[in-house]
Amino acid sequence: MSKRMKGFEPSTFAMARRREALVFYLPEEIEAIARAFEDAGHRDPAHPAVNDTERAARGAEDRQDAEIVRVAAYAGLRQGELLALRRRDLDFVGSALTIARAMSAGVESTKSGRVRRVPLAEQPAAALDRVSRREHFTSPGDLVFCNALGRSLDGLALRRDYRRAQGRCRCPPLRFHDLRHTFGSLLAARSVDVVTIQKAMVHSALSTTSRYLHARPASEQAQTFTAAFMPIGQGGSEALLTSMPLA
């Protein structure tokens, strides 16, 4: 198991996932779908590349699609936000993404008027860094994810290939948008507080974010409750009491 996967308990997550309507992927499943893209598992073997040039172009497309899956799941971006992301929006030094626009039906829009900065963890940062190392379309205003001409990707085609990659690695057939739910659920499962998740996902209501708490193992919550009920002097409620303001 890789370093990024360490600490997750697949069986615990799987049970939580089956109990709730809000489903999500395990990190291992995210990587399996990404690898299916990298291995061209979404392509029809009956229609191979006709020459080395086409083979190289397809390989670049497949690697880019793999990174799109990783960024969607590890940064919580919607598909339209991913497709509208530009290189100037990447802040590797500050570990953040600036989200100011979205793509819909090939049309870029900023009609929401909201600009937000999204925390950039190591996993999506690594994926974006790999995409950034291409030879062409490297100016600040260029799209991060683009076709061979530097233009926006076809969202319908991306979702179609995503479903094919799912089938190749036999992962649950979740929607592309469920990669965003995966982001919130995995954060909740690792005990990130709900307010932090709300800010990262830009939910206007805390009740929307609370849906992700289903992913938090009950055993972990029980341990927290146990500590809260311990007598003073045994490390349980002492910190709480000392932090309470005096009347």
Foldseek 3Di string as FASTA:
>chain_A
DDPVLPPDDVVLLVVLQVVDPLHADRPVLLLLLLVCLLVVQLDDPVDDDPDPVSVVQSNLLSNLLSLLSQCCQQQLDDQQQLQQAFQLQDDPPVQWGKGQWGADQQDIDRVVVDIAIAGHDPRNSVSLVVLCPDDDQNDRGFRSDDHPVSGTDDPVVSQSSSQSSCVSSVHPRDGSSSSSVNNLLVCLQVPDDLVVSCRNNVDPDSVVSVSSNSSHRPVVVVVLVVLCPDDPPPNRVVVVVVPDDDD
